[in-house]
């Protein structure tokens, strides 16, 4: 029986696409101005930035040290102060009596500002921001620490997220059941324990 839920933030609780115009304008302009990147790389990198942390995208598309550092300097100071609406189905997760933890990767100031604008801080027993600029800690490390401190067995926890290569992979390596939220069916083949187009089905998994 599940006793706890661990959730990702971006594209799991709310759609990044709903805020990307206000959030990524400056970093997108920085990428567009990078003469050493070709047009397709720029398009692909900007699209992926709505789904994955900056440092991973920068490494994947060979931004180089200078552009990577410029982006880091810009993003680590950004905060978001406009209203954000969660996915409608998040209400079902919010109403669950299970203990809930939020574990998200990104820049500390930015991630905390999104939590506050979503008004979800009170939904979670703990909120953990894995900031590569501040620590070498990974989501896998945080998951293991949560289990240890709260005396939770792996089969008592469900990890919910949208990224097969991030929280889903980390949980799987620890033997924790996973729920891949994939509303656009971007990952038709997955190793996740469960997969759905909507968050409401998490409750079906728990029942």
N, C-alpha and C. Protein backbone atom coordinates (compact mmCIF):
# COMPACT_ATOMS: atom_id res chain seq x y z
N UNK A 1 0.84 -1.20 0.00
CA UNK A 1 0.00 0.00 0.00
C UNK A 1 0.88 1.25 0.00
N UNK A 2 0.53 2.21 -0.86
CA UNK A 2 1.31 3.43 -0.94
C UNK A 2 1.02 4.35 0.25
N UNK A 3 2.09 4.92 0.77
CA UNK A 3 1.97 5.86 1.89
C UNK A 3 2.41 7.28 1.51
N UNK A 4 3.15 7.39 0.41
CA UNK A 4 3.71 8.69 0.05
C UNK A 4 3.82 8.85 -1.45
N UNK A 5 3.72 10.10 -1.89
CA UNK A 5 3.90 10.48 -3.29
C UNK A 5 5.07 11.45 -3.39
N UNK A 6 5.92 11.26 -4.39
CA UNK A 6 6.99 12.21 -4.68
C UNK A 6 6.73 12.76 -6.07
N UNK A 7 6.58 14.07 -6.17
CA UNK A 7 6.24 14.69 -7.44
C UNK A 7 7.35 15.58 -7.96
N UNK A 8 7.45 15.59 -9.28
CA UNK A 8 8.25 16.59 -9.99
C UNK A 8 7.40 17.85 -10.11
N UNK A 9 8.00 18.96 -10.53
CA UNK A 9 7.27 20.23 -10.66
C UNK A 9 6.95 20.57 -12.12
N UNK A 10 7.97 20.91 -12.90
CA UNK A 10 7.76 21.41 -14.25
C UNK A 10 7.19 20.34 -15.17
N UNK A 11 6.09 20.68 -15.84
CA UNK A 11 5.38 19.79 -16.76
C UNK A 11 4.77 18.57 -16.07
N UNK A 12 4.74 18.60 -14.74
CA UNK A 12 4.04 17.57 -13.98
C UNK A 12 2.90 18.20 -13.20
N UNK A 13 3.18 19.28 -12.50
CA UNK A 13 2.14 19.99 -11.76
C UNK A 13 1.53 21.09 -12.62
N UNK A 14 2.31 21.69 -13.49
CA UNK A 14 1.81 22.75 -14.37
C UNK A 14 2.54 22.65 -15.72
N UNK A 15 1.95 23.18 -16.80
CA UNK A 15 2.62 23.15 -18.11
C UNK A 15 3.58 24.32 -18.27
N UNK A 16 4.82 24.03 -18.53
CA UNK A 16 5.81 25.09 -18.73
C UNK A 16 5.43 25.97 -19.92
N UNK A 17 4.75 25.38 -20.91
CA UNK A 17 4.36 26.15 -22.09
C UNK A 17 3.50 27.35 -21.73
N UNK A 18 2.81 27.29 -20.60
CA UNK A 18 1.91 28.38 -20.21
C UNK A 18 2.66 29.61 -19.72
N UNK A 19 3.94 29.46 -19.39
CA UNK A 19 4.70 30.61 -18.89
C UNK A 19 5.98 30.85 -19.68
N UNK A 20 6.26 30.06 -20.70
CA UNK A 20 7.57 30.12 -21.34
C UNK A 20 7.83 31.47 -22.01
N UNK A 21 6.79 32.13 -22.53
CA UNK A 21 7.01 33.42 -23.16
C UNK A 21 7.57 34.45 -22.21
N UNK A 22 7.04 34.47 -21.00
CA UNK A 22 7.52 35.42 -19.99
C UNK A 22 8.80 34.94 -19.32
N UNK A 23 8.96 33.63 -19.23
CA UNK A 23 10.07 33.08 -18.47
C UNK A 23 11.37 32.99 -19.27
N UNK A 24 11.27 32.55 -20.52
CA UNK A 24 12.47 32.21 -21.28
C UNK A 24 12.88 33.26 -22.32
N UNK A 25 12.20 34.39 -22.35
CA UNK A 25 12.50 35.39 -23.38
C UNK A 25 13.97 35.76 -23.47
N UNK A 26 14.57 36.08 -22.35
CA UNK A 26 15.97 36.53 -22.35
C UNK A 26 16.93 35.41 -22.73
N UNK A 27 16.70 34.22 -22.20
CA UNK A 27 17.61 33.11 -22.50
C UNK A 27 17.45 32.67 -23.95
N UNK A 28 16.23 32.75 -24.49
CA UNK A 28 16.02 32.43 -25.90
C UNK A 28 16.77 33.43 -26.79
N UNK A 29 16.75 34.71 -26.43
CA UNK A 29 17.48 35.72 -27.21
C UNK A 29 18.99 35.46 -27.15
N UNK A 30 19.46 35.02 -26.00
CA UNK A 30 20.88 34.71 -25.84
C UNK A 30 21.27 33.57 -26.78
N UNK A 31 20.43 32.56 -26.86
CA UNK A 31 20.69 31.43 -27.75
C UNK A 31 20.61 31.87 -29.21
N UNK A 32 19.61 32.67 -29.55
CA UNK A 32 19.46 33.14 -30.93
C UNK A 32 20.67 33.94 -31.39
N UNK A 33 21.32 34.63 -30.46
CA UNK A 33 22.48 35.47 -30.80
C UNK A 33 23.80 34.69 -30.86
N UNK A 34 23.75 33.41 -30.54
CA UNK A 34 24.98 32.61 -30.50
C UNK A 34 25.37 32.20 -31.92
N UNK A 35 26.40 32.82 -32.46
CA UNK A 35 26.79 32.60 -33.85
C UNK A 35 27.31 31.18 -34.10
N UNK A 36 27.81 30.50 -33.07
CA UNK A 36 28.40 29.18 -33.28
C UNK A 36 27.37 28.04 -33.31
N UNK A 37 26.09 28.38 -33.06
CA UNK A 37 25.05 27.37 -33.12
C UNK A 37 24.24 27.54 -34.40
N UNK A 38 23.94 26.42 -35.08
CA UNK A 38 23.14 26.56 -36.30
C UNK A 38 21.65 26.67 -35.96
N UNK A 39 20.87 27.02 -36.95
CA UNK A 39 19.47 27.31 -36.72
C UNK A 39 18.68 26.17 -36.12
N UNK A 40 18.91 24.96 -36.60
CA UNK A 40 18.16 23.82 -36.08
C UNK A 40 18.53 23.51 -34.64
N UNK A 41 19.80 23.63 -34.33
CA UNK A 41 20.25 23.41 -32.95
C UNK A 41 19.58 24.42 -32.02
N UNK A 42 19.49 25.67 -32.45
CA UNK A 42 18.85 26.70 -31.64
C UNK A 42 17.38 26.35 -31.38
N UNK A 43 16.68 25.92 -32.44
CA UNK A 43 15.26 25.56 -32.30
C UNK A 43 15.10 24.38 -31.35
N UNK A 44 15.92 23.36 -31.55
CA UNK A 44 15.83 22.15 -30.71
C UNK A 44 16.17 22.46 -29.26
N UNK A 45 17.20 23.26 -29.05
CA UNK A 45 17.62 23.59 -27.69
C UNK A 45 16.55 24.39 -26.96
N UNK A 46 15.94 25.35 -27.65
CA UNK A 46 14.90 26.17 -27.01
C UNK A 46 13.67 25.33 -26.67
N UNK A 47 13.32 24.41 -27.56
CA UNK A 47 12.18 23.54 -27.27
C UNK A 47 12.47 22.65 -26.07
N UNK A 48 13.68 22.12 -26.01
CA UNK A 48 14.02 21.21 -24.91
C UNK A 48 14.15 21.94 -23.57
N UNK A 49 14.47 23.22 -23.62
CA UNK A 49 14.58 24.00 -22.38
C UNK A 49 13.24 24.10 -21.65
N UNK A 50 12.15 23.89 -22.35
CA UNK A 50 10.84 23.90 -21.69
C UNK A 50 10.58 22.59 -20.96
N UNK A 51 11.47 21.60 -21.15
CA UNK A 51 11.24 20.29 -20.54
C UNK A 51 12.38 19.82 -19.63
N UNK A 52 13.60 20.36 -19.86
CA UNK A 52 14.75 19.83 -19.15
C UNK A 52 15.59 20.97 -18.58
N UNK A 53 16.37 20.70 -17.52
CA UNK A 53 17.20 21.74 -16.91
C UNK A 53 18.23 22.31 -17.88
N UNK A 54 18.56 23.57 -17.67
CA UNK A 54 19.46 24.30 -18.58
C UNK A 54 20.81 23.60 -18.74
N UNK A 55 21.42 23.15 -17.66
CA UNK A 55 22.77 22.59 -17.77
C UNK A 55 22.79 21.33 -18.65
N UNK A 56 21.70 20.56 -18.62
CA UNK A 56 21.64 19.35 -19.45
C UNK A 56 21.48 19.72 -20.93
N UNK A 57 20.65 20.72 -21.19
CA UNK A 57 20.46 21.18 -22.57
C UNK A 57 21.76 21.80 -23.11
N UNK A 58 22.41 22.61 -22.29
CA UNK A 58 23.65 23.25 -22.70
C UNK A 58 24.72 22.22 -23.05
N UNK A 59 24.80 21.16 -22.27
CA UNK A 59 25.78 20.11 -22.54
C UNK A 59 25.41 19.32 -23.81
N UNK A 60 24.15 18.99 -23.94
CA UNK A 60 23.69 18.19 -25.09
C UNK A 60 23.95 18.90 -26.40
N UNK A 61 23.71 20.21 -26.45
CA UNK A 61 23.82 20.95 -27.71
C UNK A 61 25.13 21.74 -27.83
N UNK A 62 26.09 21.39 -26.99
CA UNK A 62 27.44 21.95 -27.09
C UNK A 62 27.43 23.48 -27.14
N UNK A 63 26.80 24.07 -26.13
CA UNK A 63 26.75 25.53 -26.04
C UNK A 63 28.15 26.13 -25.90
N UNK A 64 29.06 25.40 -25.29
CA UNK A 64 30.38 25.94 -25.01
C UNK A 64 30.40 26.63 -23.66
N UNK A 65 31.59 26.80 -23.13
CA UNK A 65 31.72 27.34 -21.77
C UNK A 65 31.16 28.75 -21.64
N UNK A 66 31.40 29.60 -22.63
CA UNK A 66 31.00 31.00 -22.53
C UNK A 66 29.47 31.14 -22.51
N UNK A 67 28.79 30.50 -23.47
CA UNK A 67 27.32 30.59 -23.54
C UNK A 67 26.68 29.90 -22.35
N UNK A 68 27.26 28.78 -21.95
CA UNK A 68 26.71 28.07 -20.79
C UNK A 68 26.80 28.95 -19.54
N UNK A 69 27.93 29.62 -19.36
CA UNK A 69 28.11 30.48 -18.19
C UNK A 69 27.17 31.68 -18.26
N UNK A 70 27.01 32.27 -19.45
CA UNK A 70 26.09 33.40 -19.60
C UNK A 70 24.66 32.99 -19.22
N UNK A 71 24.25 31.83 -19.70
CA UNK A 71 22.91 31.35 -19.39
C UNK A 71 22.73 31.07 -17.92
N UNK A 72 23.74 30.47 -17.33
CA UNK A 72 23.69 30.19 -15.89
C UNK A 72 23.56 31.48 -15.09
N UNK A 73 24.38 32.48 -15.43
CA UNK A 73 24.35 33.75 -14.71
C UNK A 73 22.98 34.42 -14.83
N UNK A 74 22.37 34.28 -16.00
CA UNK A 74 21.07 34.88 -16.23
C UNK A 74 19.98 34.15 -15.45
N UNK A 75 19.94 32.83 -15.59
CA UNK A 75 18.84 32.06 -15.03
C UNK A 75 18.88 31.95 -13.51
N UNK A 76 20.07 31.98 -12.94
CA UNK A 76 20.13 31.80 -11.48
C UNK A 76 19.58 33.00 -10.72
N UNK A 77 19.39 34.13 -11.43
CA UNK A 77 18.84 35.32 -10.78
C UNK A 77 17.39 35.57 -11.15
N UNK A 78 16.86 34.80 -12.09
CA UNK A 78 15.48 35.01 -12.53
C UNK A 78 14.49 34.50 -11.50
N UNK A 79 13.43 35.24 -11.28
CA UNK A 79 12.28 34.77 -10.51
C UNK A 79 11.03 35.03 -11.33
N UNK A 80 9.96 34.32 -10.99
CA UNK A 80 8.71 34.44 -11.75
C UNK A 80 7.63 34.96 -10.83
N UNK A 81 6.94 36.03 -11.25
CA UNK A 81 5.99 36.68 -10.36
C UNK A 81 4.61 36.90 -10.98
N UNK A 82 4.26 36.08 -11.94
CA UNK A 82 2.93 36.14 -12.53
C UNK A 82 2.15 34.88 -12.13
N UNK A 83 0.83 34.95 -12.10
CA UNK A 83 0.03 33.78 -11.72
C UNK A 83 0.32 32.58 -12.62
N UNK A 84 0.36 31.40 -12.02
CA UNK A 84 0.55 30.15 -12.76
C UNK A 84 -0.59 29.21 -12.38
N UNK A 85 -1.18 28.59 -13.37
CA UNK A 85 -2.26 27.65 -13.12
C UNK A 85 -1.76 26.22 -13.27
N UNK A 86 -1.98 25.38 -12.27
CA UNK A 86 -1.60 23.97 -12.41
C UNK A 86 -2.52 23.25 -13.39
N UNK A 87 -2.11 22.09 -13.81
CA UNK A 87 -3.00 21.24 -14.60
C UNK A 87 -4.29 21.02 -13.81
N UNK A 88 -5.43 20.97 -14.49
CA UNK A 88 -6.70 20.76 -13.80
C UNK A 88 -6.68 19.50 -12.94
N UNK A 89 -6.05 18.44 -13.45
CA UNK A 89 -6.05 17.17 -12.73
C UNK A 89 -5.19 17.18 -11.49
N UNK A 90 -4.37 18.22 -11.34
CA UNK A 90 -3.55 18.29 -10.12
C UNK A 90 -4.43 18.35 -8.87
N UNK A 91 -5.65 18.85 -9.01
CA UNK A 91 -6.57 18.92 -7.88
C UNK A 91 -6.80 17.55 -7.26
N UNK A 92 -6.75 16.51 -8.07
CA UNK A 92 -6.94 15.16 -7.55
C UNK A 92 -5.74 14.72 -6.71
N UNK A 93 -4.56 15.11 -7.14
CA UNK A 93 -3.36 14.81 -6.36
C UNK A 93 -3.38 15.60 -5.06
N UNK A 94 -3.72 16.86 -5.16
CA UNK A 94 -3.76 17.75 -3.99
C UNK A 94 -4.71 17.19 -2.92
N UNK A 95 -5.79 16.58 -3.33
CA UNK A 95 -6.79 16.09 -2.38
C UNK A 95 -6.42 14.76 -1.74
N UNK A 96 -5.38 14.11 -2.26
CA UNK A 96 -4.98 12.82 -1.69
C UNK A 96 -4.47 12.99 -0.27
N UNK A 97 -4.88 12.10 0.65
CA UNK A 97 -4.42 12.20 2.03
C UNK A 97 -2.99 11.69 2.24
N UNK A 98 -2.39 11.12 1.21
CA UNK A 98 -1.03 10.60 1.35
C UNK A 98 -0.04 11.74 1.57
N UNK A 99 1.04 11.45 2.29
CA UNK A 99 2.09 12.44 2.48
C UNK A 99 2.75 12.69 1.13
N UNK A 100 3.02 13.95 0.84
CA UNK A 100 3.54 14.32 -0.47
C UNK A 100 4.86 15.11 -0.34
N UNK A 101 5.76 14.82 -1.26
CA UNK A 101 7.05 15.50 -1.33
C UNK A 101 7.23 16.06 -2.74
N UNK A 102 7.81 17.24 -2.83
CA UNK A 102 8.11 17.84 -4.13
C UNK A 102 9.62 17.83 -4.32
N UNK A 103 10.08 17.26 -5.44
CA UNK A 103 11.50 17.23 -5.75
C UNK A 103 11.68 17.71 -7.18
N UNK A 104 12.34 18.85 -7.34
CA UNK A 104 12.48 19.45 -8.66
C UNK A 104 13.92 19.89 -8.89
N UNK A 105 14.35 19.83 -10.14
CA UNK A 105 15.69 20.27 -10.51
C UNK A 105 15.61 21.64 -11.15
N UNK A 106 16.53 22.54 -10.78
CA UNK A 106 16.58 23.85 -11.39
C UNK A 106 17.27 24.86 -10.50
N UNK A 107 17.19 26.10 -10.89
CA UNK A 107 17.80 27.18 -10.12
C UNK A 107 16.91 27.50 -8.92
N UNK A 108 17.51 27.63 -7.76
CA UNK A 108 16.77 27.73 -6.51
C UNK A 108 15.77 28.87 -6.50
N UNK A 109 16.21 30.08 -6.84
CA UNK A 109 15.30 31.23 -6.80
C UNK A 109 14.12 31.05 -7.74
N UNK A 110 14.40 30.56 -8.94
CA UNK A 110 13.35 30.40 -9.94
C UNK A 110 12.34 29.33 -9.52
N UNK A 111 12.84 28.19 -9.06
CA UNK A 111 11.92 27.11 -8.69
C UNK A 111 11.04 27.51 -7.50
N UNK A 112 11.64 28.17 -6.51
CA UNK A 112 10.85 28.61 -5.36
C UNK A 112 9.80 29.63 -5.77
N UNK A 113 10.14 30.52 -6.70
CA UNK A 113 9.16 31.53 -7.12
C UNK A 113 7.98 30.86 -7.82
N UNK A 114 8.24 29.81 -8.59
CA UNK A 114 7.14 29.10 -9.25
C UNK A 114 6.26 28.37 -8.24
N UNK A 115 6.88 27.78 -7.22
CA UNK A 115 6.11 27.13 -6.16
C UNK A 115 5.17 28.12 -5.50
N UNK A 116 5.68 29.30 -5.22
CA UNK A 116 4.86 30.32 -4.55
C UNK A 116 3.73 30.83 -5.44
N UNK A 117 4.02 31.04 -6.73
CA UNK A 117 2.98 31.54 -7.63
C UNK A 117 1.93 30.47 -7.93
N UNK A 118 2.29 29.22 -7.81
CA UNK A 118 1.33 28.12 -7.96
C UNK A 118 0.50 27.92 -6.69
N UNK A 119 1.00 28.48 -5.58
CA UNK A 119 0.34 28.35 -4.28
C UNK A 119 0.20 26.87 -3.88
N UNK A 120 1.31 26.14 -3.98
CA UNK A 120 1.29 24.71 -3.67
C UNK A 120 2.19 24.34 -2.49
N UNK A 121 2.82 25.32 -1.88
CA UNK A 121 3.78 25.02 -0.82
C UNK A 121 3.14 24.21 0.29
N UNK A 122 1.91 24.53 0.63
CA UNK A 122 1.23 23.86 1.74
C UNK A 122 0.81 22.43 1.38
N UNK A 123 0.90 22.06 0.11
CA UNK A 123 0.50 20.71 -0.31
C UNK A 123 1.54 19.66 0.06
N UNK A 124 2.76 20.11 0.40
CA UNK A 124 3.87 19.18 0.55
C UNK A 124 4.49 19.20 1.95
N UNK A 125 4.83 18.01 2.41
CA UNK A 125 5.53 17.90 3.68
C UNK A 125 6.93 18.47 3.57
N UNK A 126 7.55 18.29 2.40
CA UNK A 126 8.89 18.81 2.14
C UNK A 126 9.01 19.21 0.68
N UNK A 127 9.80 20.24 0.43
CA UNK A 127 10.11 20.67 -0.93
C UNK A 127 11.62 20.68 -1.10
N UNK A 128 12.09 19.96 -2.09
CA UNK A 128 13.53 19.86 -2.34
C UNK A 128 13.83 20.38 -3.74
N UNK A 129 14.77 21.32 -3.83
CA UNK A 129 15.22 21.84 -5.12
C UNK A 129 16.64 21.37 -5.36
N UNK A 130 16.80 20.55 -6.37
CA UNK A 130 18.12 20.04 -6.74
C UNK A 130 18.75 21.06 -7.69
N UNK A 131 19.65 21.86 -7.16
CA UNK A 131 20.27 22.95 -7.92
C UNK A 131 21.71 22.58 -8.26
N UNK A 132 21.99 22.24 -9.53
CA UNK A 132 23.33 21.83 -9.92
C UNK A 132 24.39 22.89 -9.69
N UNK A 133 23.98 24.15 -9.56
CA UNK A 133 24.92 25.23 -9.30
C UNK A 133 25.40 25.23 -7.85
N UNK A 134 24.63 24.60 -6.97
CA UNK A 134 24.93 24.65 -5.55
C UNK A 134 25.37 23.31 -4.96
N UNK A 135 25.07 22.22 -5.65
CA UNK A 135 25.34 20.91 -5.06
C UNK A 135 25.47 19.84 -6.14
N UNK A 136 26.17 18.77 -5.79
CA UNK A 136 26.26 17.62 -6.70
C UNK A 136 25.15 16.61 -6.41
N UNK A 137 24.29 16.93 -5.49
CA UNK A 137 23.18 16.04 -5.14
C UNK A 137 22.26 15.83 -6.34
N UNK A 138 21.73 14.62 -6.48
CA UNK A 138 20.82 14.29 -7.58
C UNK A 138 19.44 13.96 -7.02
N UNK A 139 18.47 13.83 -7.92
CA UNK A 139 17.14 13.42 -7.49
C UNK A 139 17.18 12.05 -6.83
N UNK A 140 18.00 11.18 -7.34
CA UNK A 140 18.13 9.85 -6.75
C UNK A 140 18.59 9.95 -5.31
N UNK A 141 19.54 10.82 -5.04
CA UNK A 141 20.02 11.03 -3.68
C UNK A 141 18.90 11.54 -2.78
N UNK A 142 18.11 12.47 -3.28
CA UNK A 142 17.01 13.04 -2.49
C UNK A 142 15.96 11.99 -2.22
N UNK A 143 15.61 11.21 -3.23
CA UNK A 143 14.62 10.15 -3.03
C UNK A 143 15.08 9.18 -1.94
N UNK A 144 16.32 8.76 -2.02
CA UNK A 144 16.85 7.80 -1.03
C UNK A 144 16.84 8.41 0.37
N UNK A 145 17.15 9.69 0.46
CA UNK A 145 17.16 10.36 1.76
C UNK A 145 15.76 10.47 2.34
N UNK A 146 14.78 10.77 1.50
CA UNK A 146 13.39 10.85 1.96
C UNK A 146 12.95 9.50 2.52
N UNK A 147 13.23 8.45 1.79
CA UNK A 147 12.84 7.11 2.26
C UNK A 147 13.49 6.79 3.60
N UNK A 148 14.76 7.11 3.72
CA UNK A 148 15.50 6.80 4.95
C UNK A 148 14.96 7.58 6.14
N UNK A 149 14.80 8.90 5.98
CA UNK A 149 14.38 9.74 7.10
C UNK A 149 12.95 9.49 7.53
N UNK A 150 12.10 9.11 6.58
CA UNK A 150 10.68 8.91 6.90
C UNK A 150 10.34 7.43 7.07
N UNK A 151 11.36 6.60 7.08
CA UNK A 151 11.17 5.16 7.31
C UNK A 151 10.14 4.58 6.35
N UNK A 152 10.32 4.89 5.07
CA UNK A 152 9.42 4.42 4.03
C UNK A 152 10.11 3.32 3.22
N UNK A 153 9.43 2.23 3.00
CA UNK A 153 9.96 1.20 2.12
C UNK A 153 9.75 1.63 0.67
N UNK A 154 10.49 1.05 -0.25
CA UNK A 154 10.37 1.45 -1.65
C UNK A 154 8.97 1.17 -2.20
N UNK A 155 8.32 0.10 -1.72
CA UNK A 155 6.99 -0.20 -2.25
C UNK A 155 5.89 0.65 -1.63
N UNK A 156 6.25 1.52 -0.70
CA UNK A 156 5.26 2.42 -0.07
C UNK A 156 5.21 3.78 -0.76
N UNK A 157 6.02 3.95 -1.82
CA UNK A 157 6.17 5.26 -2.45
C UNK A 157 5.87 5.17 -3.95
N UNK A 158 5.28 6.22 -4.49
CA UNK A 158 5.09 6.36 -5.93
C UNK A 158 5.69 7.69 -6.36
N UNK A 159 6.57 7.64 -7.37
CA UNK A 159 7.17 8.86 -7.92
C UNK A 159 6.42 9.24 -9.19
N UNK A 160 6.01 10.51 -9.28
CA UNK A 160 5.21 11.00 -10.40
C UNK A 160 6.00 12.08 -11.13
N UNK A 161 6.17 11.92 -12.44
CA UNK A 161 6.91 12.91 -13.20
C UNK A 161 6.71 12.75 -14.68
N UNK A 162 7.32 13.66 -15.44
CA UNK A 162 7.15 13.67 -16.90
C UNK A 162 8.40 13.27 -17.66
N UNK A 163 9.53 13.11 -16.97
CA UNK A 163 10.81 12.90 -17.66
C UNK A 163 11.37 11.51 -17.39
N UNK A 164 11.37 10.64 -18.42
CA UNK A 164 11.89 9.28 -18.24
C UNK A 164 13.36 9.24 -17.84
N UNK A 165 14.12 10.29 -18.22
CA UNK A 165 15.56 10.31 -17.95
C UNK A 165 15.92 11.01 -16.65
N UNK A 166 14.92 11.52 -15.93
CA UNK A 166 15.18 12.23 -14.68
C UNK A 166 14.56 11.47 -13.51
N UNK A 167 13.43 11.94 -13.01
CA UNK A 167 12.83 11.33 -11.82
C UNK A 167 12.39 9.88 -12.05
N UNK A 168 11.94 9.54 -13.26
CA UNK A 168 11.50 8.17 -13.53
C UNK A 168 12.70 7.21 -13.46
N UNK A 169 13.79 7.61 -14.09
CA UNK A 169 15.01 6.78 -14.05
C UNK A 169 15.55 6.67 -12.64
N UNK A 170 15.60 7.78 -11.92
CA UNK A 170 16.14 7.78 -10.55
C UNK A 170 15.33 6.86 -9.65
N UNK A 171 14.02 6.94 -9.74
CA UNK A 171 13.16 6.10 -8.90
C UNK A 171 13.29 4.63 -9.27
N UNK A 172 13.34 4.35 -10.56
CA UNK A 172 13.46 2.97 -11.03
C UNK A 172 14.74 2.33 -10.51
N UNK A 173 15.82 3.09 -10.51
CA UNK A 173 17.10 2.56 -10.02
C UNK A 173 17.05 2.24 -8.53
N UNK A 174 16.14 2.89 -7.81
CA UNK A 174 15.99 2.63 -6.38
C UNK A 174 14.93 1.57 -6.09
N UNK A 175 14.25 1.12 -7.15
CA UNK A 175 13.20 0.11 -6.96
C UNK A 175 11.86 0.70 -6.54
N UNK A 176 11.64 1.99 -6.84
CA UNK A 176 10.39 2.67 -6.49
C UNK A 176 9.46 2.66 -7.70
N UNK A 177 8.19 2.41 -7.49
CA UNK A 177 7.20 2.48 -8.57
C UNK A 177 7.12 3.90 -9.12
N UNK A 178 6.84 3.99 -10.43
CA UNK A 178 6.81 5.29 -11.08
C UNK A 178 5.53 5.47 -11.91
N UNK A 179 5.13 6.73 -12.01
CA UNK A 179 3.97 7.10 -12.83
C UNK A 179 4.43 8.18 -13.80
N UNK A 180 4.49 7.85 -15.08
CA UNK A 180 4.92 8.80 -16.10
C UNK A 180 3.70 9.56 -16.61
N UNK A 181 3.69 10.87 -16.36
CA UNK A 181 2.62 11.73 -16.85
C UNK A 181 3.05 12.23 -18.23
N UNK A 182 2.33 11.79 -19.26
CA UNK A 182 2.76 12.04 -20.64
C UNK A 182 1.55 12.44 -21.48
N UNK A 183 1.02 13.66 -21.27
CA UNK A 183 -0.21 14.08 -21.94
C UNK A 183 -0.11 14.15 -23.46
N UNK A 184 1.10 14.33 -23.99
CA UNK A 184 1.27 14.44 -25.44
C UNK A 184 1.85 13.15 -26.05
N UNK A 185 1.94 12.11 -25.25
CA UNK A 185 2.47 10.81 -25.70
C UNK A 185 3.84 10.96 -26.36
N UNK A 186 4.71 11.72 -25.71
CA UNK A 186 6.07 11.91 -26.22
C UNK A 186 6.94 10.69 -25.97
N UNK A 187 6.49 9.83 -25.06
CA UNK A 187 7.30 8.67 -24.70
C UNK A 187 6.46 7.40 -24.79
N UNK A 188 6.15 6.96 -26.04
CA UNK A 188 5.30 5.78 -26.21
C UNK A 188 5.91 4.51 -25.62
N UNK A 189 7.24 4.46 -25.60
CA UNK A 189 7.92 3.33 -24.97
C UNK A 189 8.59 3.83 -23.69
N UNK A 190 8.25 3.20 -22.59
CA UNK A 190 8.78 3.67 -21.31
C UNK A 190 8.96 2.51 -20.35
N UNK A 191 9.90 2.68 -19.43
CA UNK A 191 10.11 1.68 -18.39
C UNK A 191 9.33 2.01 -17.13
N UNK A 192 8.55 3.09 -17.17
CA UNK A 192 7.77 3.49 -15.99
C UNK A 192 6.77 2.39 -15.63
N UNK A 193 6.49 2.28 -14.34
CA UNK A 193 5.54 1.27 -13.88
C UNK A 193 4.14 1.54 -14.42
N UNK A 194 3.76 2.81 -14.41
CA UNK A 194 2.47 3.25 -14.93
C UNK A 194 2.68 4.45 -15.83
N UNK A 195 1.75 4.63 -16.76
CA UNK A 195 1.80 5.79 -17.65
C UNK A 195 0.38 6.22 -17.97
N UNK A 196 0.19 7.54 -18.06
CA UNK A 196 -1.13 8.04 -18.42
C UNK A 196 -1.03 9.43 -19.02
N UNK A 197 -2.12 9.81 -19.71
CA UNK A 197 -2.23 11.14 -20.28
C UNK A 197 -2.78 12.14 -19.26
N UNK A 198 -3.27 11.67 -18.13
CA UNK A 198 -3.81 12.59 -17.13
C UNK A 198 -3.43 12.17 -15.72
N UNK A 199 -3.35 13.15 -14.84
CA UNK A 199 -2.92 12.91 -13.47
C UNK A 199 -4.00 12.24 -12.63
N UNK A 200 -5.25 12.36 -13.04
CA UNK A 200 -6.34 11.77 -12.26
C UNK A 200 -6.15 10.27 -12.09
N UNK A 201 -5.51 9.65 -13.08
CA UNK A 201 -5.35 8.20 -13.03
C UNK A 201 -4.37 7.76 -11.94
N UNK A 202 -3.63 8.70 -11.36
CA UNK A 202 -2.80 8.35 -10.20
C UNK A 202 -3.66 7.75 -9.11
N UNK A 203 -4.86 8.30 -8.93
CA UNK A 203 -5.75 7.80 -7.89
C UNK A 203 -6.20 6.37 -8.18
N UNK A 204 -6.34 6.03 -9.46
CA UNK A 204 -6.70 4.66 -9.82
C UNK A 204 -5.58 3.70 -9.45
N UNK A 205 -4.34 4.15 -9.64
CA UNK A 205 -3.19 3.33 -9.29
C UNK A 205 -3.15 3.10 -7.78
N UNK A 206 -3.54 4.09 -7.00
CA UNK A 206 -3.46 4.00 -5.54
C UNK A 206 -4.62 3.24 -4.92
N UNK A 207 -5.71 3.12 -5.67
CA UNK A 207 -6.90 2.49 -5.07
C UNK A 207 -6.82 0.97 -5.09
